[in-house]
C-alpha atoms as a PDB file:
ATOM      1  CA  MET A   1     -11.103  -0.255  -5.787  1.00  0.00           C
ATOM      2  CA  LYS A   2      -9.495   2.834  -7.216  1.00  0.00           C
ATOM      3  CA  ALA A   3      -7.460   5.055  -4.941  1.00  0.00           C
ATOM      4  CA  LYS A   4      -5.646   8.374  -5.440  1.00  0.00           C
ATOM      5  CA  VAL A   5      -1.920   8.358  -4.737  1.00  0.00           C
ATOM      6  CA  LYS A   6      -0.470  11.699  -3.631  1.00  0.00           C
ATOM      7  CA  GLY A   7       2.860  12.613  -2.186  1.00  0.00           C
ATOM      8  CA  GLU A   8       5.768  14.978  -2.076  1.00  0.00           C
ATOM      9  CA  ASN A   9       7.760  15.180  -5.289  1.00  0.00           C
ATOM     10  CA  ILE A  10       5.306  13.005  -7.226  1.00  0.00           C
ATOM     11  CA  LYS A  11       2.471  13.727  -9.612  1.00  0.00           C
ATOM     12  CA  GLN A  12      -0.929  12.533  -8.354  1.00  0.00           C
ATOM     13  CA  PHE A  13      -2.205   9.335 -10.010  1.00  0.00           C
ATOM     14  CA  ASN A  14      -4.740   6.545  -9.449  1.00  0.00           C
ATOM     15  CA  VAL A  15      -4.050   2.913  -8.609  1.00  0.00           C
ATOM     16  CA  GLU A  16      -6.239  -0.157  -8.374  1.00  0.00           C
ATOM     17  CA  ILE A  17      -6.141  -1.703  -4.908  1.00  0.00           C
ATOM     18  CA  LYS A  18      -7.561  -5.168  -4.455  1.00  0.00           C
ATOM     19  CA  GLN A  19     -10.234  -5.998  -1.908  1.00  0.00           C
ATOM     20  CA  LEU A  20      -8.202  -7.328   1.013  1.00  0.00           C
ATOM     21  CA  THR A  21      -9.123 -10.330   3.092  1.00  0.00           C
ATOM     22  CA  LEU A  22      -9.151  -9.965   6.844  1.00  0.00           C
ATOM     23  CA  ASP A  23      -5.836 -11.874   7.027  1.00  0.00           C
ATOM     24  CA  GLU A  24      -4.219  -9.530   4.487  1.00  0.00           C
ATOM     25  CA  ARG A  25      -5.529  -6.510   6.386  1.00  0.00           C
ATOM     26  CA  ALA A  26      -4.154  -7.968   9.620  1.00  0.00           C
ATOM     27  CA  GLU A  27      -0.763  -8.614   8.017  1.00  0.00           C
ATOM     28  CA  ILE A  28      -0.466  -4.990   6.859  1.00  0.00           C
ATOM     29  CA  ASN A  29      -1.572  -3.635  10.228  1.00  0.00           C
ATOM     30  CA  ASP A  30       0.799  -5.958  12.093  1.00  0.00           C
ATOM     31  CA  MET A  31       3.662  -4.617   9.977  1.00  0.00           C
ATOM     32  CA  ILE A  32       2.689  -1.027  10.761  1.00  0.00           C
ATOM     33  CA  ILE A  33       2.256  -1.605  14.489  1.00  0.00           C
ATOM     34  CA  ASP A  34       5.508  -3.567  14.890  1.00  0.00           C
ATOM     35  CA  THR A  35       7.880  -0.842  16.101  1.00  0.00           C
ATOM     36  CA  GLU A  36      10.887  -3.139  15.716  1.00  0.00           C
ATOM     37  CA  MET A  37      10.207  -3.747  12.028  1.00  0.00           C
ATOM     38  CA  SER A  38      12.453  -1.652   9.833  1.00  0.00           C
ATOM     39  CA  LYS A  39      10.486   0.649   7.526  1.00  0.00           C
ATOM     40  CA  ASN A  40      12.897   0.048   4.657  1.00  0.00           C
ATOM     41  CA  PHE A  41      12.215  -0.401   0.938  1.00  0.00           C
ATOM     42  CA  SER A  42      11.217  -4.060   1.421  1.00  0.00           C
ATOM     43  CA  PHE A  43       8.595  -3.004   3.974  1.00  0.00           C
ATOM     44  CA  TRP A  44       6.866  -0.709   1.446  1.00  0.00           C
ATOM     45  CA  LEU A  45       7.246  -3.268  -1.335  1.00  0.00           C
ATOM     46  CA  LYS A  46       5.587  -5.991   0.736  1.00  0.00           C
ATOM     47  CA  ILE A  47       2.593  -3.733   1.387  1.00  0.00           C
ATOM     48  CA  ILE A  48       2.195  -3.188  -2.373  1.00  0.00           C
ATOM     49  CA  ARG A  49       2.451  -6.926  -3.019  1.00  0.00           C
ATOM     50  CA  ILE A  50      -0.287  -7.585  -0.457  1.00  0.00           C
ATOM     51  CA  GLY A  51      -2.515  -4.717  -1.594  1.00  0.00           C
ATOM     52  CA  THR A  52      -2.347  -5.178  -5.374  1.00  0.00           C
ATOM     53  CA  ASP A  53      -2.125  -7.900  -7.976  1.00  0.00           C
ATOM     54  CA  TRP A  54       0.859  -6.254  -9.673  1.00  0.00           C
ATOM     55  CA  THR A  55       3.841  -8.147 -11.011  1.00  0.00           C
ATOM     56  CA  ASP A  56       7.400  -7.216 -10.066  1.00  0.00           C
ATOM     57  CA  GLU A  57       7.773  -5.663 -13.518  1.00  0.00           C
ATOM     58  CA  GLU A  58       4.744  -3.420 -12.950  1.00  0.00           C
ATOM     59  CA  ILE A  59       5.991  -2.322  -9.529  1.00  0.00           C
ATOM     60  CA  ASN A  60       9.481  -1.712 -10.907  1.00  0.00           C
ATOM     61  CA  ASN A  61       8.083   0.958 -13.255  1.00  0.00           C
ATOM     62  CA  TYR A  62       7.599   3.278 -10.262  1.00  0.00           C
ATOM     63  CA  SER A  63      10.215   5.396  -8.529  1.00  0.00           C
ATOM     64  CA  THR A  64      11.084   4.826  -4.871  1.00  0.00           C
ATOM     65  CA  ASP A  65       9.047   7.897  -3.876  1.00  0.00           C
ATOM     66  CA  GLU A  66       6.061   6.591  -5.835  1.00  0.00           C
ATOM     67  CA  ILE A  67       6.371   3.122  -4.267  1.00  0.00           C
ATOM     68  CA  ILE A  68       6.334   4.609  -0.776  1.00  0.00           C
ATOM     69  CA  ALA A  69       3.326   6.786  -1.691  1.00  0.00           C
ATOM     70  CA  ILE A  70       1.449   3.791  -3.170  1.00  0.00           C
ATOM     71  CA  ALA A  71       2.082   1.743  -0.034  1.00  0.00           C
ATOM     72  CA  GLY A  72       0.894   4.664   2.100  1.00  0.00           C
ATOM     73  CA  CYS A  73      -2.268   4.876   0.029  1.00  0.00           C
ATOM     74  CA  ILE A  74      -2.883   1.145   0.533  1.00  0.00           C
ATOM     75  CA  ILE A  75      -2.464   1.583   4.292  1.00  0.00           C
ATOM     76  CA  GLU A  76      -4.972   4.455   4.299  1.00  0.00           C
ATOM     77  CA  GLU A  77      -7.526   2.574   2.208  1.00  0.00           C
ATOM     78  CA  THR A  78      -7.114  -0.564   4.319  1.00  0.00           C
ATOM     79  CA  ASN A  79      -7.867   1.332   7.496  1.00  0.00           C
ATOM     80  CA  LYS A  80     -10.709   3.586   6.400  1.00  0.00           C
ATOM     81  CA  LYS A  81     -13.702   3.317   8.654  1.00  0.00           C
ATOM     82  CA  LYS A  82     -15.759   0.375   7.455  1.00  0.00           C
ATOM     83  CA  LEU A  83     -19.426   1.201   7.003  1.00  0.00           C
ATOM     84  CA  LYS A  84     -21.923  -1.280   8.383  1.00  0.00           C
ATOM     85  CA  LYS A  85     -24.395  -2.533   5.836  1.00  0.00           C
END
């Protein structure tokens, strides 16, 4: 699914987020809820690795601010209200 990435000091752009399994969704939410987990660069990077199929080289093309914004976008998309079919 396509998602819009927005943030301070970055130009808005779109990213492709993969359809997450329930286990992947749980892993991201567990990371967010865990108050003892440090919200450092590795935290944001792990969310991108879970939420996309990007290689390290593709991720490395983004600035730190963009990486944090992408991870935030993944978190938002993961937790949008799911519509019942």
